[in-house]
PDB file of N, CA and C in Angstrom:
ATOM      1  N   MET A   1     106.682  52.923  18.139  1.00  0.00           N
ATOM      2  CA  MET A   1     106.869  51.286  17.855  1.00  0.00           C
ATOM      3  C   MET A   1     105.880  50.573  19.070  1.00  0.00           C
ATOM      4  N   GLN A   2     104.970  49.796  18.971  1.00  0.00           N
ATOM      5  CA  GLN A   2     104.309  49.630  20.207  1.00  0.00           C
ATOM      6  C   GLN A   2     105.214  48.211  20.713  1.00  0.00           C
ATOM      7  N   ALA A   3     104.994  47.990  21.855  1.00  0.00           N
ATOM      8  CA  ALA A   3     105.692  46.760  22.663  1.00  0.00           C
ATOM      9  C   ALA A   3     104.465  45.548  22.370  1.00  0.00           C
ATOM     10  N   HIS A   4     105.062  44.588  21.830  1.00  0.00           N
ATOM     11  CA  HIS A   4     103.994  43.433  21.874  1.00  0.00           C
ATOM     12  C   HIS A   4     104.037  42.646  23.161  1.00  0.00           C
ATOM     13  N   THR A   5     102.949  42.496  23.488  1.00  0.00           N
ATOM     14  CA  THR A   5     102.806  41.940  24.886  1.00  0.00           C
ATOM     15  C   THR A   5     101.872  40.652  24.736  1.00  0.00           C
ATOM     16  N   GLU A   6     102.120  39.584  25.019  1.00  0.00           N
ATOM     17  CA  GLU A   6     101.148  38.334  25.116  1.00  0.00           C
ATOM     18  C   GLU A   6     100.902  37.890  26.188  1.00  0.00           C
ATOM     19  N   GLU A   7      99.499  37.737  26.230  1.00  0.00           N
ATOM     20  CA  GLU A   7      99.084  36.924  27.809  1.00  0.00           C
ATOM     21  C   GLU A   7      99.252  35.466  27.719  1.00  0.00           C
ATOM     22  N   HIS A   8      99.480  34.730  28.441  1.00  0.00           N
ATOM     23  CA  HIS A   8      99.572  33.430  28.576  1.00  0.00           C
ATOM     24  C   HIS A   8      98.472  33.058  29.560  1.00  0.00           C
ATOM     25  N   HIS A   9      97.768  32.298  29.153  1.00  0.00           N
ATOM     26  CA  HIS A   9      96.561  31.976  30.282  1.00  0.00           C
ATOM     27  C   HIS A   9      97.092  30.455  30.740  1.00  0.00           C
ATOM     28  N   ILE A  10      97.004  30.263  32.044  1.00  0.00           N
ATOM     29  CA  ILE A  10      97.649  29.010  32.939  1.00  0.00           C
ATOM     30  C   ILE A  10      96.461  28.165  33.161  1.00  0.00           C
ATOM     31  N   VAL A  11      96.526  27.140  32.579  1.00  0.00           N
ATOM     32  CA  VAL A  11      95.669  26.253  32.983  1.00  0.00           C
ATOM     33  C   VAL A  11      95.767  25.478  34.207  1.00  0.00           C
ATOM     34  N   PRO A  12      95.074  25.485  35.060  1.00  0.00           N
ATOM     35  CA  PRO A  12      94.755  24.454  36.281  1.00  0.00           C
ATOM     36  C   PRO A  12      95.158  22.973  35.689  1.00  0.00           C
ATOM     37  N   LYS A  13      96.159  22.198  36.773  1.00  0.00           N
ATOM     38  CA  LYS A  13      96.192  21.141  36.570  1.00  0.00           C
ATOM     39  C   LYS A  13      95.106  20.186  36.510  1.00  0.00           C
ATOM     40  N   ARG A  14      94.246  20.518  37.498  1.00  0.00           N
ATOM     41  CA  ARG A  14      93.192  19.743  37.678  1.00  0.00           C
ATOM     42  C   ARG A  14      92.219  19.474  36.201  1.00  0.00           C
ATOM     43  N   VAL A  15      91.951  20.688  35.096  1.00  0.00           N
ATOM     44  CA  VAL A  15      91.547  20.571  34.128  1.00  0.00           C
ATOM     45  C   VAL A  15      92.232  19.551  33.309  1.00  0.00           C
ATOM     46  N   TYR A  16      93.592  19.473  33.254  1.00  0.00           N
ATOM     47  CA  TYR A  16      94.334  18.680  32.395  1.00  0.00           C
ATOM     48  C   TYR A  16      94.050  17.276  33.027  1.00  0.00           C
ATOM     49  N   ALA A  17      93.890  16.931  34.123  1.00  0.00           N
ATOM     50  CA  ALA A  17      93.494  15.782  34.797  1.00  0.00           C
ATOM     51  C   ALA A  17      91.970  15.326  34.163  1.00  0.00           C
ATOM     52  N   LEU A  18      91.240  16.207  34.377  1.00  0.00           N
ATOM     53  CA  LEU A  18      89.730  15.884  34.149  1.00  0.00           C
ATOM     54  C   LEU A  18      89.745  15.561  32.565  1.00  0.00           C
ATOM     55  N   VAL A  19      90.340  16.438  31.653  1.00  0.00           N
ATOM     56  CA  VAL A  19      90.350  15.947  30.386  1.00  0.00           C
ATOM     57  C   VAL A  19      90.968  14.666  30.224  1.00  0.00           C
ATOM     58  N   PHE A  20      91.929  14.292  30.609  1.00  0.00           N
ATOM     59  CA  PHE A  20      92.338  12.954  30.517  1.00  0.00           C
ATOM     60  C   PHE A  20      91.999  11.959  31.203  1.00  0.00           C
ATOM     61  N   VAL A  21      91.423  11.967  32.422  1.00  0.00           N
ATOM     62  CA  VAL A  21      90.514  10.882  32.526  1.00  0.00           C
ATOM     63  C   VAL A  21      89.234  10.887  31.628  1.00  0.00           C
ATOM     64  N   THR A  22      88.643  11.984  31.296  1.00  0.00           N
ATOM     65  CA  THR A  22      87.558  11.952  30.500  1.00  0.00           C
ATOM     66  C   THR A  22      87.822  11.201  28.832  1.00  0.00           C
ATOM     67  N   LEU A  23      89.190  11.267  28.606  1.00  0.00           N
ATOM     68  CA  LEU A  23      89.440  10.529  27.376  1.00  0.00           C
ATOM     69  C   LEU A  23      89.798   9.022  27.893  1.00  0.00           C
ATOM     70  N   ILE A  24      90.329   8.802  29.082  1.00  0.00           N
ATOM     71  CA  ILE A  24      90.459   7.259  29.030  1.00  0.00           C
ATOM     72  C   ILE A  24      88.865   6.740  29.344  1.00  0.00           C
ATOM     73  N   ILE A  25      87.933   7.466  29.826  1.00  0.00           N
ATOM     74  CA  ILE A  25      86.588   6.835  30.232  1.00  0.00           C
ATOM     75  C   ILE A  25      86.090   6.469  28.794  1.00  0.00           C
ATOM     76  N   LEU A  26      86.430   7.734  27.670  1.00  0.00           N
ATOM     77  CA  LEU A  26      85.725   7.493  26.577  1.00  0.00           C
ATOM     78  C   LEU A  26      86.411   6.283  25.682  1.00  0.00           C
ATOM     79  N   THR A  27      87.774   5.971  25.888  1.00  0.00           N
ATOM     80  CA  THR A  27      88.485   5.216  25.417  1.00  0.00           C
ATOM     81  C   THR A  27      87.646   3.736  25.913  1.00  0.00           C
ATOM     82  N   TRP A  28      87.579   3.640  27.055  1.00  0.00           N
ATOM     83  CA  TRP A  28      86.648   2.616  27.276  1.00  0.00           C
ATOM     84  C   TRP A  28      85.193   2.403  26.846  1.00  0.00           C
ATOM     85  N   VAL A  29      84.681   3.560  26.697  1.00  0.00           N
ATOM     86  CA  VAL A  29      83.520   3.340  26.114  1.00  0.00           C
ATOM     87  C   VAL A  29      83.242   3.227  24.650  1.00  0.00           C
ATOM     88  N   THR A  30      84.354   3.437  23.799  1.00  0.00           N
ATOM     89  CA  THR A  30      84.590   3.023  22.382  1.00  0.00           C
ATOM     90  C   THR A  30      85.018   1.616  22.645  1.00  0.00           C
ATOM     91  N   ALA A  31      85.706   1.000  23.402  1.00  0.00           N
ATOM     92  CA  ALA A  31      85.885  -0.353  23.164  1.00  0.00           C
ATOM     93  C   ALA A  31      84.929  -1.411  23.610  1.00  0.00           C
ATOM     94  N   TRP A  32      83.707  -0.641  24.570  1.00  0.00           N
ATOM     95  CA  TRP A  32      82.660  -1.477  25.085  1.00  0.00           C
ATOM     96  C   TRP A  32      81.576  -1.496  23.790  1.00  0.00           C
ATOM     97  N   VAL A  33      81.536  -0.409  23.292  1.00  0.00           N
ATOM     98  CA  VAL A  33      80.411  -0.158  22.113  1.00  0.00           C
ATOM     99  C   VAL A  33      80.730  -1.106  20.846  1.00  0.00           C
ATOM    100  N   SER A  34      81.950  -1.045  20.698  1.00  0.00           N
ATOM    101  CA  SER A  34      82.365  -2.067  19.615  1.00  0.00           C
ATOM    102  C   SER A  34      82.017  -3.419  19.804  1.00  0.00           C
ATOM    103  N   THR A  35      81.628  -3.837  21.104  1.00  0.00           N
ATOM    104  CA  THR A  35      81.138  -5.113  21.303  1.00  0.00           C
ATOM    105  C   THR A  35      79.602  -5.191  21.222  1.00  0.00           C
ATOM    106  N   VAL A  36      78.868  -3.833  21.049  1.00  0.00           N
ATOM    107  CA  VAL A  36      77.458  -4.160  20.944  1.00  0.00           C
ATOM    108  C   VAL A  36      77.118  -4.237  19.675  1.00  0.00           C
ATOM    109  N   ASP A  37      76.157  -4.896  19.138  1.00  0.00           N
ATOM    110  CA  ASP A  37      75.748  -4.666  17.769  1.00  0.00           C
ATOM    111  C   ASP A  37      74.649  -3.960  17.665  1.00  0.00           C
ATOM    112  N   LEU A  38      74.900  -2.506  16.976  1.00  0.00           N
ATOM    113  CA  LEU A  38      74.053  -1.489  16.703  1.00  0.00           C
ATOM    114  C   LEU A  38      73.695  -1.454  15.283  1.00  0.00           C
ATOM    115  N   GLY A  39      74.312  -2.505  14.694  1.00  0.00           N
ATOM    116  CA  GLY A  39      73.815  -2.462  13.008  1.00  0.00           C
ATOM    117  C   GLY A  39      74.675  -1.523  12.600  1.00  0.00           C
ATOM    118  N   ARG A  40      74.402  -0.989  11.516  1.00  0.00           N
ATOM    119  CA  ARG A  40      75.109   0.224  10.636  1.00  0.00           C
ATOM    120  C   ARG A  40      75.222   1.358  11.667  1.00  0.00           C
ATOM    121  N   MET A  41      74.542   1.472  12.998  1.00  0.00           N
ATOM    122  CA  MET A  41      74.966   2.732  13.518  1.00  0.00           C
ATOM    123  C   MET A  41      76.429   2.592  14.348  1.00  0.00           C
ATOM    124  N   ASN A  42      76.722   1.341  14.369  1.00  0.00           N
ATOM    125  CA  ASN A  42      78.353   1.161  14.906  1.00  0.00           C
ATOM    126  C   ASN A  42      79.466   1.990  14.726  1.00  0.00           C
ATOM    127  N   ILE A  43      79.305   2.449  13.147  1.00  0.00           N
ATOM    128  CA  ILE A  43      80.498   3.505  12.660  1.00  0.00           C
ATOM    129  C   ILE A  43      80.049   4.691  12.988  1.00  0.00           C
ATOM    130  N   TYR A  44      78.942   5.031  13.297  1.00  0.00           N
ATOM    131  CA  TYR A  44      78.446   6.383  13.679  1.00  0.00           C
ATOM    132  C   TYR A  44      78.779   6.919  15.121  1.00  0.00           C
ATOM    133  N   VAL A  45      78.404   5.962  16.188  1.00  0.00           N
ATOM    134  CA  VAL A  45      78.755   6.120  17.401  1.00  0.00           C
ATOM    135  C   VAL A  45      80.437   6.011  17.599  1.00  0.00           C
ATOM    136  N   ALA A  46      81.038   5.217  16.885  1.00  0.00           N
ATOM    137  CA  ALA A  46      82.654   5.394  17.082  1.00  0.00           C
ATOM    138  C   ALA A  46      83.037   6.492  16.567  1.00  0.00           C
ATOM    139  N   LEU A  47      82.775   6.995  15.457  1.00  0.00           N
ATOM    140  CA  LEU A  47      83.112   8.028  14.859  1.00  0.00           C
ATOM    141  C   LEU A  47      82.933   9.268  15.796  1.00  0.00           C
ATOM    142  N   SER A  48      81.797   9.352  16.418  1.00  0.00           N
ATOM    143  CA  SER A  48      81.137  10.425  17.246  1.00  0.00           C
ATOM    144  C   SER A  48      82.036  10.497  18.413  1.00  0.00           C
ATOM    145  N   ILE A  49      82.348   9.459  18.898  1.00  0.00           N
ATOM    146  CA  ILE A  49      83.043   9.378  20.012  1.00  0.00           C
ATOM    147  C   ILE A  49      84.729   9.907  19.722  1.00  0.00           C
ATOM    148  N   ALA A  50      85.067   9.669  18.704  1.00  0.00           N
ATOM    149  CA  ALA A  50      86.152   9.828  18.216  1.00  0.00           C
ATOM    150  C   ALA A  50      86.392  11.353  17.930  1.00  0.00           C
ATOM    151  N   VAL A  51      85.372  12.090  17.348  1.00  0.00           N
ATOM    152  CA  VAL A  51      85.586  13.184  17.226  1.00  0.00           C
ATOM    153  C   VAL A  51      85.287  14.129  18.625  1.00  0.00           C
ATOM    154  N   PHE A  52      84.843  13.639  19.410  1.00  0.00           N
ATOM    155  CA  PHE A  52      84.534  14.210  20.633  1.00  0.00           C
ATOM    156  C   PHE A  52      85.843  14.480  21.469  1.00  0.00           C
ATOM    157  N   LYS A  53      86.329  12.976  21.463  1.00  0.00           N
ATOM    158  CA  LYS A  53      87.932  13.052  22.006  1.00  0.00           C
ATOM    159  C   LYS A  53      88.915  13.971  21.374  1.00  0.00           C
ATOM    160  N   ALA A  54      88.838  13.834  20.065  1.00  0.00           N
ATOM    161  CA  ALA A  54      89.824  14.949  19.228  1.00  0.00           C
ATOM    162  C   ALA A  54      89.438  16.409  19.682  1.00  0.00           C
ATOM    163  N   THR A  55      88.411  16.708  19.868  1.00  0.00           N
ATOM    164  CA  THR A  55      87.978  18.061  20.151  1.00  0.00           C
ATOM    165  C   THR A  55      88.356  18.370  21.409  1.00  0.00           C
ATOM    166  N   LEU A  56      88.418  17.540  22.219  1.00  0.00           N
ATOM    167  CA  LEU A  56      89.121  17.783  23.577  1.00  0.00           C
ATOM    168  C   LEU A  56      90.773  18.089  23.521  1.00  0.00           C
ATOM    169  N   VAL A  57      91.177  16.877  22.905  1.00  0.00           N
ATOM    170  CA  VAL A  57      92.703  17.295  22.374  1.00  0.00           C
ATOM    171  C   VAL A  57      93.227  18.505  22.073  1.00  0.00           C
ATOM    172  N   VAL A  58      92.431  18.748  20.812  1.00  0.00           N
ATOM    173  CA  VAL A  58      92.429  20.210  20.167  1.00  0.00           C
ATOM    174  C   VAL A  58      92.315  21.324  21.175  1.00  0.00           C
ATOM    175  N   LEU A  59      91.421  21.466  21.733  1.00  0.00           N
ATOM    176  CA  LEU A  59      91.053  22.506  22.718  1.00  0.00           C
ATOM    177  C   LEU A  59      91.925  22.629  23.877  1.00  0.00           C
ATOM    178  N   PHE A  60      92.125  21.522  24.713  1.00  0.00           N
ATOM    179  CA  PHE A  60      92.646  21.511  25.969  1.00  0.00           C
ATOM    180  C   PHE A  60      94.660  21.597  25.466  1.00  0.00           C
ATOM    181  N   PHE A  61      94.719  20.373  25.121  1.00  0.00           N
ATOM    182  CA  PHE A  61      96.020  19.846  24.920  1.00  0.00           C
ATOM    183  C   PHE A  61      96.912  20.821  23.765  1.00  0.00           C
ATOM    184  N   MET A  62      96.103  21.129  23.081  1.00  0.00           N
ATOM    185  CA  MET A  62      96.697  21.989  22.007  1.00  0.00           C
ATOM    186  C   MET A  62      96.469  23.598  22.369  1.00  0.00           C
ATOM    187  N   HIS A  63      95.821  23.958  23.566  1.00  0.00           N
ATOM    188  CA  HIS A  63      95.688  25.267  23.958  1.00  0.00           C
ATOM    189  C   HIS A  63      94.972  25.962  23.069  1.00  0.00           C
ATOM    190  N   VAL A  64      94.138  25.400  22.181  1.00  0.00           N
ATOM    191  CA  VAL A  64      93.095  26.315  21.050  1.00  0.00           C
ATOM    192  C   VAL A  64      92.160  27.251  21.896  1.00  0.00           C
ATOM    193  N   LYS A  65      91.502  26.244  22.921  1.00  0.00           N
ATOM    194  CA  LYS A  65      90.832  27.092  23.650  1.00  0.00           C
ATOM    195  C   LYS A  65      90.895  28.595  24.180  1.00  0.00           C
ATOM    196  N   TYR A  66      92.358  28.461  24.678  1.00  0.00           N
ATOM    197  CA  TYR A  66      92.750  29.869  25.224  1.00  0.00           C
ATOM    198  C   TYR A  66      93.615  30.605  24.170  1.00  0.00           C
ATOM    199  N   GLY A  67      93.754  30.056  22.996  1.00  0.00           N
ATOM    200  CA  GLY A  67      94.356  30.914  21.782  1.00  0.00           C
ATOM    201  C   GLY A  67      93.708  32.351  21.272  1.00  0.00           C
ATOM    202  N   SER A  68      94.648  32.759  20.486  1.00  0.00           N
ATOM    203  CA  SER A  68      94.378  33.986  19.743  1.00  0.00           C
ATOM    204  C   SER A  68      93.021  33.661  18.700  1.00  0.00           C
ATOM    205  N   ARG A  69      92.452  34.422  18.299  1.00  0.00           N
ATOM    206  CA  ARG A  69      91.520  34.206  17.280  1.00  0.00           C
ATOM    207  C   ARG A  69      91.881  33.638  15.899  1.00  0.00           C
ATOM    208  N   LEU A  70      93.028  33.959  15.765  1.00  0.00           N
ATOM    209  CA  LEU A  70      94.314  33.609  14.569  1.00  0.00           C
ATOM    210  C   LEU A  70      94.294  32.308  14.404  1.00  0.00           C
ATOM    211  N   THR A  71      94.721  31.915  15.779  1.00  0.00           N
ATOM    212  CA  THR A  71      94.833  30.474  16.007  1.00  0.00           C
ATOM    213  C   THR A  71      93.715  29.340  15.727  1.00  0.00           C
ATOM    214  N   LYS A  72      92.353  30.129  16.453  1.00  0.00           N
ATOM    215  CA  LYS A  72      91.057  29.346  16.082  1.00  0.00           C
ATOM    216  C   LYS A  72      90.564  29.501  14.454  1.00  0.00           C
ATOM    217  N   LEU A  73      91.045  30.477  13.801  1.00  0.00           N
ATOM    218  CA  LEU A  73      90.563  30.602  12.612  1.00  0.00           C
ATOM    219  C   LEU A  73      91.550  29.485  11.653  1.00  0.00           C
ATOM    220  N   ILE A  74      92.881  29.470  11.888  1.00  0.00           N
ATOM    221  CA  ILE A  74      93.629  28.257  11.351  1.00  0.00           C
ATOM    222  C   ILE A  74      93.085  26.756  11.417  1.00  0.00           C
ATOM    223  N   VAL A  75      92.514  26.711  12.784  1.00  0.00           N
ATOM    224  CA  VAL A  75      92.167  25.319  13.068  1.00  0.00           C
ATOM    225  C   VAL A  75      90.797  25.125  12.222  1.00  0.00           C
ATOM    226  N   CYS A  76      89.915  26.045  12.378  1.00  0.00           N
ATOM    227  CA  CYS A  76      88.733  25.785  11.578  1.00  0.00           C
ATOM    228  C   CYS A  76      88.859  25.674  10.214  1.00  0.00           C
ATOM    229  N   SER A  77      89.879  26.580   9.469  1.00  0.00           N
ATOM    230  CA  SER A  77      90.012  26.340   8.369  1.00  0.00           C
ATOM    231  C   SER A  77      90.482  25.012   7.757  1.00  0.00           C
ATOM    232  N   GLY A  78      91.258  24.489   8.906  1.00  0.00           N
ATOM    233  CA  GLY A  78      91.944  22.850   8.593  1.00  0.00           C
ATOM    234  C   GLY A  78      90.966  22.060   8.577  1.00  0.00           C
ATOM    235  N   ILE A  79      90.088  22.255   9.564  1.00  0.00           N
ATOM    236  CA  ILE A  79      88.959  21.334   9.475  1.00  0.00           C
ATOM    237  C   ILE A  79      87.954  21.367   8.219  1.00  0.00           C
ATOM    238  N   LEU A  80      87.674  22.573   7.779  1.00  0.00           N
ATOM    239  CA  LEU A  80      86.701  22.917   6.640  1.00  0.00           C
ATOM    240  C   LEU A  80      87.466  22.260   5.637  1.00  0.00           C
ATOM    241  N   TRP A  81      88.550  22.480   5.322  1.00  0.00           N
ATOM    242  CA  TRP A  81      89.626  21.563   4.401  1.00  0.00           C
ATOM    243  C   TRP A  81      89.476  20.221   4.160  1.00  0.00           C
ATOM    244  N   LEU A  82      89.577  19.751   5.697  1.00  0.00           N
ATOM    245  CA  LEU A  82      89.463  18.257   5.258  1.00  0.00           C
ATOM    246  C   LEU A  82      88.267  17.846   5.225  1.00  0.00           C
ATOM    247  N   MET A  83      86.825  18.398   5.657  1.00  0.00           N
ATOM    248  CA  MET A  83      85.708  18.420   5.183  1.00  0.00           C
ATOM    249  C   MET A  83      85.442  18.191   4.047  1.00  0.00           C
ATOM    250  N   LEU A  84      85.997  19.316   3.115  1.00  0.00           N
ATOM    251  CA  LEU A  84      85.745  19.689   1.682  1.00  0.00           C
ATOM    252  C   LEU A  84      86.485  18.144   0.972  1.00  0.00           C
ATOM    253  N   LEU A  85      87.639  18.075   1.179  1.00  0.00           N
ATOM    254  CA  LEU A  85      88.381  16.629   0.725  1.00  0.00           C
ATOM    255  C   LEU A  85      87.646  15.210   1.005  1.00  0.00           C
ATOM    256  N   LEU A  86      87.238  15.418   1.911  1.00  0.00           N
ATOM    257  CA  LEU A  86      86.152  14.103   2.398  1.00  0.00           C
ATOM    258  C   LEU A  86      85.182  14.210   1.570  1.00  0.00           C
ATOM    259  N   PHE A  87      84.339  15.327   1.320  1.00  0.00           N
ATOM    260  CA  PHE A  87      83.148  15.132   0.576  1.00  0.00           C
ATOM    261  C   PHE A  87      83.571  14.871  -1.121  1.00  0.00           C
ATOM    262  N   ILE A  88      84.668  15.571  -1.338  1.00  0.00           N
ATOM    263  CA  ILE A  88      84.884  15.403  -2.672  1.00  0.00           C
ATOM    264  C   ILE A  88      85.243  13.855  -3.060  1.00  0.00           C
ATOM    265  N   THR A  89      86.019  13.077  -2.229  1.00  0.00           N
ATOM    266  CA  THR A  89      86.195  11.780  -2.197  1.00  0.00           C
ATOM    267  C   THR A  89      85.038  10.978  -2.016  1.00  0.00           C
ATOM    268  N   MET A  90      84.111  11.349  -1.156  1.00  0.00           N
ATOM    269  CA  MET A  90      83.014  10.726  -1.105  1.00  0.00           C
ATOM    270  C   MET A  90      81.815  10.634  -2.367  1.00  0.00           C
ATOM    271  N   SER A  91      81.641  11.726  -2.623  1.00  0.00           N
ATOM    272  CA  SER A  91      81.052  12.149  -3.950  1.00  0.00           C
ATOM    273  C   SER A  91      81.338  11.362  -5.083  1.00  0.00           C
ATOM    274  N   ASP A  92      82.507  11.207  -5.008  1.00  0.00           N
ATOM    275  CA  ASP A  92      83.109  10.321  -6.461  1.00  0.00           C
ATOM    276  C   ASP A  92      82.620   8.788  -5.949  1.00  0.00           C
ATOM    277  N   ILE A  93      82.995   8.113  -4.915  1.00  0.00           N
ATOM    278  CA  ILE A  93      82.585   6.906  -4.503  1.00  0.00           C
ATOM    279  C   ILE A  93      80.961   6.737  -4.502  1.00  0.00           C
ATOM    280  N   TRP A  94      80.256   7.490  -4.021  1.00  0.00           N
ATOM    281  CA  TRP A  94      78.700   7.721  -4.030  1.00  0.00           C
ATOM    282  C   TRP A  94      78.338   7.645  -5.760  1.00  0.00           C
ATOM    283  N   THR A  95      78.711   8.295  -6.576  1.00  0.00           N
ATOM    284  CA  THR A  95      78.170   8.318  -7.614  1.00  0.00           C
ATOM    285  C   THR A  95      78.905   7.382  -8.567  1.00  0.00           C
ATOM    286  N   ARG A  96      79.683   6.348  -8.317  1.00  0.00           N
ATOM    287  CA  ARG A  96      80.331   5.335  -9.263  1.00  0.00           C
ATOM    288  C   ARG A  96      79.242   4.505  -9.860  1.00  0.00           C
ATOM    289  N   GLY A  97      78.328   4.278  -8.991  1.00  0.00           N
ATOM    290  CA  GLY A  97      77.078   3.412  -9.799  1.00  0.00           C
ATOM    291  C   GLY A  97      76.493   4.116 -10.786  1.00  0.00           C
ATOM    292  N   TRP A  98      76.283   5.389 -10.984  1.00  0.00           N
ATOM    293  CA  TRP A  98      75.744   5.917 -12.012  1.00  0.00           C
ATOM    294  C   TRP A  98      76.113   5.360 -13.214  1.00  0.00           C
ATOM    295  N   ILE A  99      77.722   5.258 -13.525  1.00  0.00           N
ATOM    296  CA  ILE A  99      78.261   5.051 -14.849  1.00  0.00           C
ATOM    297  C   ILE A  99      78.630   3.514 -14.933  1.00  0.00           C
ATOM    298  N   GLY A 100      77.860   2.638 -14.105  1.00  0.00           N
ATOM    299  CA  GLY A 100      78.407   1.550 -14.368  1.00  0.00           C
ATOM    300  C   GLY A 100      79.752   0.922 -13.871  1.00  0.00           C
ATOM    301  N   VAL A 101      80.614   1.839 -13.333  1.00  0.00           N
ATOM    302  CA  VAL A 101      81.760   1.317 -12.390  1.00  0.00           C
ATOM    303  C   VAL A 101      81.859   0.562 -10.946  1.00  0.00           C
ATOM    304  N   PRO A 102      81.969  -0.600 -10.623  1.00  0.00           N
ATOM    305  CA  PRO A 102      81.704  -1.070  -9.592  1.00  0.00           C
ATOM    306  C   PRO A 102      82.856  -0.333  -8.483  1.00  0.00           C
ATOM    307  N   GLY A 103      82.064   0.426  -7.518  1.00  0.00           N
ATOM    308  CA  GLY A 103      82.855   0.624  -6.462  1.00  0.00           C
ATOM    309  C   GLY A 103      82.202   0.541  -5.172  1.00  0.00           C
ATOM    310  N   ARG A 104      81.562  -0.440  -4.963  1.00  0.00           N
ATOM    311  CA  ARG A 104      80.640  -0.704  -3.817  1.00  0.00           C
ATOM    312  C   ARG A 104      80.997  -2.372  -3.217  1.00  0.00           C
TER     313      ARG A 104
END
């Protein structure tokens, strides 16, 4: 029987501080962008910043960056599942006009 050994990656506090400061700055950028009129692009800019912030949280604070391949597979599977569900929901909304159902 093999002994199960796990390697623990110790993340320096400097990395956590840098990620935290980056998240704070991006929060300020999000608030600032909300005051700028970009037309239809406002939602895309805000969502892009939010996705980047969520990625930082998942990678560093949830330790996925230093996790096993199984952990990364589980996270990617969850993201793909969310994208599939959002696509199915949006395809319903996008095609409602085809059958005369008001949905926009």
